[in-house]
Amino acid sequence: MCLGIPGQIIEITNVNHKLAIVDVGGVKRQVNIACIVDEEHPPEACIGDWVLVHVGFAMNRINEQEAAETLELLKELAAAQVEISN
């Protein structure tokens, strides 16, 4: 099982190599968007898209509500982990 972290594409850094900057909760990382682009949705059209990121790749597009719900669940899991550790 893998864990995809929601993030929003804010910039395309290299169209030829299909690289973009994704904002994940305020942390900006370069990711490969090859899995989510095609002729109907080229790299340039990805700015603003919400995606699930796993090991440096945007695996699929999701809607903003799904992203918000997932980010909230991850925050709750992190808080529970801190509570368990204390």
Protein backbone atom coordinates (compact mmCIF):
# COMPACT_ATOMS: atom_id res chain seq x y z
CA MET A 1 0.00 0.00 0.00
CA CYS A 2 1.26 3.46 -0.80
CA LEU A 3 0.39 6.82 0.66
CA GLY A 4 -0.29 9.68 -1.72
CA ILE A 5 -0.03 13.16 -0.23
CA PRO A 6 -2.30 15.85 -1.71
CA GLY A 7 -0.65 18.89 -3.23
CA GLN A 8 -1.44 21.64 -5.68
CA ILE A 9 0.60 22.26 -8.82
CA ILE A 10 1.76 25.87 -8.73
CA GLU A 11 4.36 25.98 -11.50
CA ILE A 12 5.57 24.00 -14.49
CA THR A 13 9.37 23.99 -14.40
CA ASN A 14 10.18 21.82 -17.43
CA VAL A 15 7.57 20.97 -20.05
CA ASN A 16 9.83 18.53 -21.93
CA HIS A 17 10.68 16.50 -18.82
CA LYS A 18 7.18 16.99 -17.36
CA LEU A 19 8.36 18.55 -14.10
CA ALA A 20 6.33 20.83 -11.88
CA ILE A 21 6.43 22.47 -8.47
CA VAL A 22 3.74 21.20 -6.09
CA ASP A 23 2.74 22.91 -2.86
CA VAL A 24 2.06 20.32 -0.17
CA GLY A 25 0.85 22.10 2.94
CA GLY A 26 3.21 25.03 2.38
CA VAL A 27 6.19 22.86 1.42
CA LYS A 28 7.14 23.20 -2.23
CA ARG A 29 8.68 20.25 -4.05
CA GLN A 30 9.49 19.40 -7.63
CA VAL A 31 7.56 16.39 -8.90
CA ASN A 32 7.19 14.51 -12.15
CA ILE A 33 3.74 14.95 -13.71
CA ALA A 34 4.12 12.42 -16.56
CA CYS A 35 1.40 10.18 -15.07
CA ILE A 36 -1.27 12.89 -15.22
CA VAL A 37 -0.67 14.54 -18.59
CA ASP A 38 -1.77 13.59 -22.08
CA GLU A 39 -2.75 15.32 -25.32
CA GLU A 40 -6.06 16.46 -23.80
CA HIS A 41 -4.46 17.75 -20.58
CA PRO A 42 -0.89 18.93 -21.39
CA PRO A 43 1.59 20.11 -18.73
CA GLU A 44 0.66 23.76 -19.21
CA ALA A 45 -2.95 22.95 -18.25
CA CYS A 46 -1.91 21.42 -14.91
CA ILE A 47 -1.29 24.64 -12.99
CA GLY A 48 -3.84 24.75 -10.19
CA ASP A 49 -4.58 21.02 -10.35
CA TRP A 50 -4.73 19.09 -7.09
CA VAL A 51 -2.80 15.83 -7.26
CA LEU A 52 -1.77 12.90 -5.10
CA VAL A 53 2.03 12.80 -4.84
CA HIS A 54 3.95 9.62 -4.11
CA VAL A 55 7.76 9.24 -4.26
CA GLY A 56 8.19 12.33 -6.42
CA PHE A 57 5.41 11.59 -8.90
CA ALA A 58 1.96 13.11 -9.24
CA MET A 59 0.01 9.86 -9.50
CA ASN A 60 -3.44 11.25 -10.30
CA ARG A 61 -5.56 14.39 -10.19
CA ILE A 62 -8.10 14.84 -7.40
CA ASN A 63 -10.59 17.57 -6.61
CA GLU A 64 -9.96 20.27 -4.03
CA GLN A 65 -12.46 18.80 -1.55
CA GLU A 66 -10.75 15.39 -1.62
CA ALA A 67 -7.41 17.12 -1.08
CA ALA A 68 -8.72 19.10 1.91
CA GLU A 69 -10.29 16.02 3.50
CA THR A 70 -7.12 13.97 3.07
CA LEU A 71 -4.90 16.75 4.47
CA GLU A 72 -7.20 17.02 7.50
CA LEU A 73 -7.02 13.26 8.09
CA LEU A 74 -3.23 13.38 7.87
CA LYS A 75 -3.14 16.18 10.46
CA GLU A 76 -5.35 14.11 12.77
CA LEU A 77 -3.07 11.08 12.32
CA ALA A 78 -0.01 13.18 13.13
CA ALA A 79 -1.69 14.54 16.28
CA ALA A 80 -2.66 11.01 17.36
CA GLN A 81 0.91 9.83 16.82
CA VAL A 82 2.22 12.62 19.05
CA GLU A 83 -0.34 11.72 21.70
CA ILE A 84 0.63 8.03 21.57
CA SER A 85 4.33 8.89 21.84
CA ASN A 86 3.82 10.90 25.04
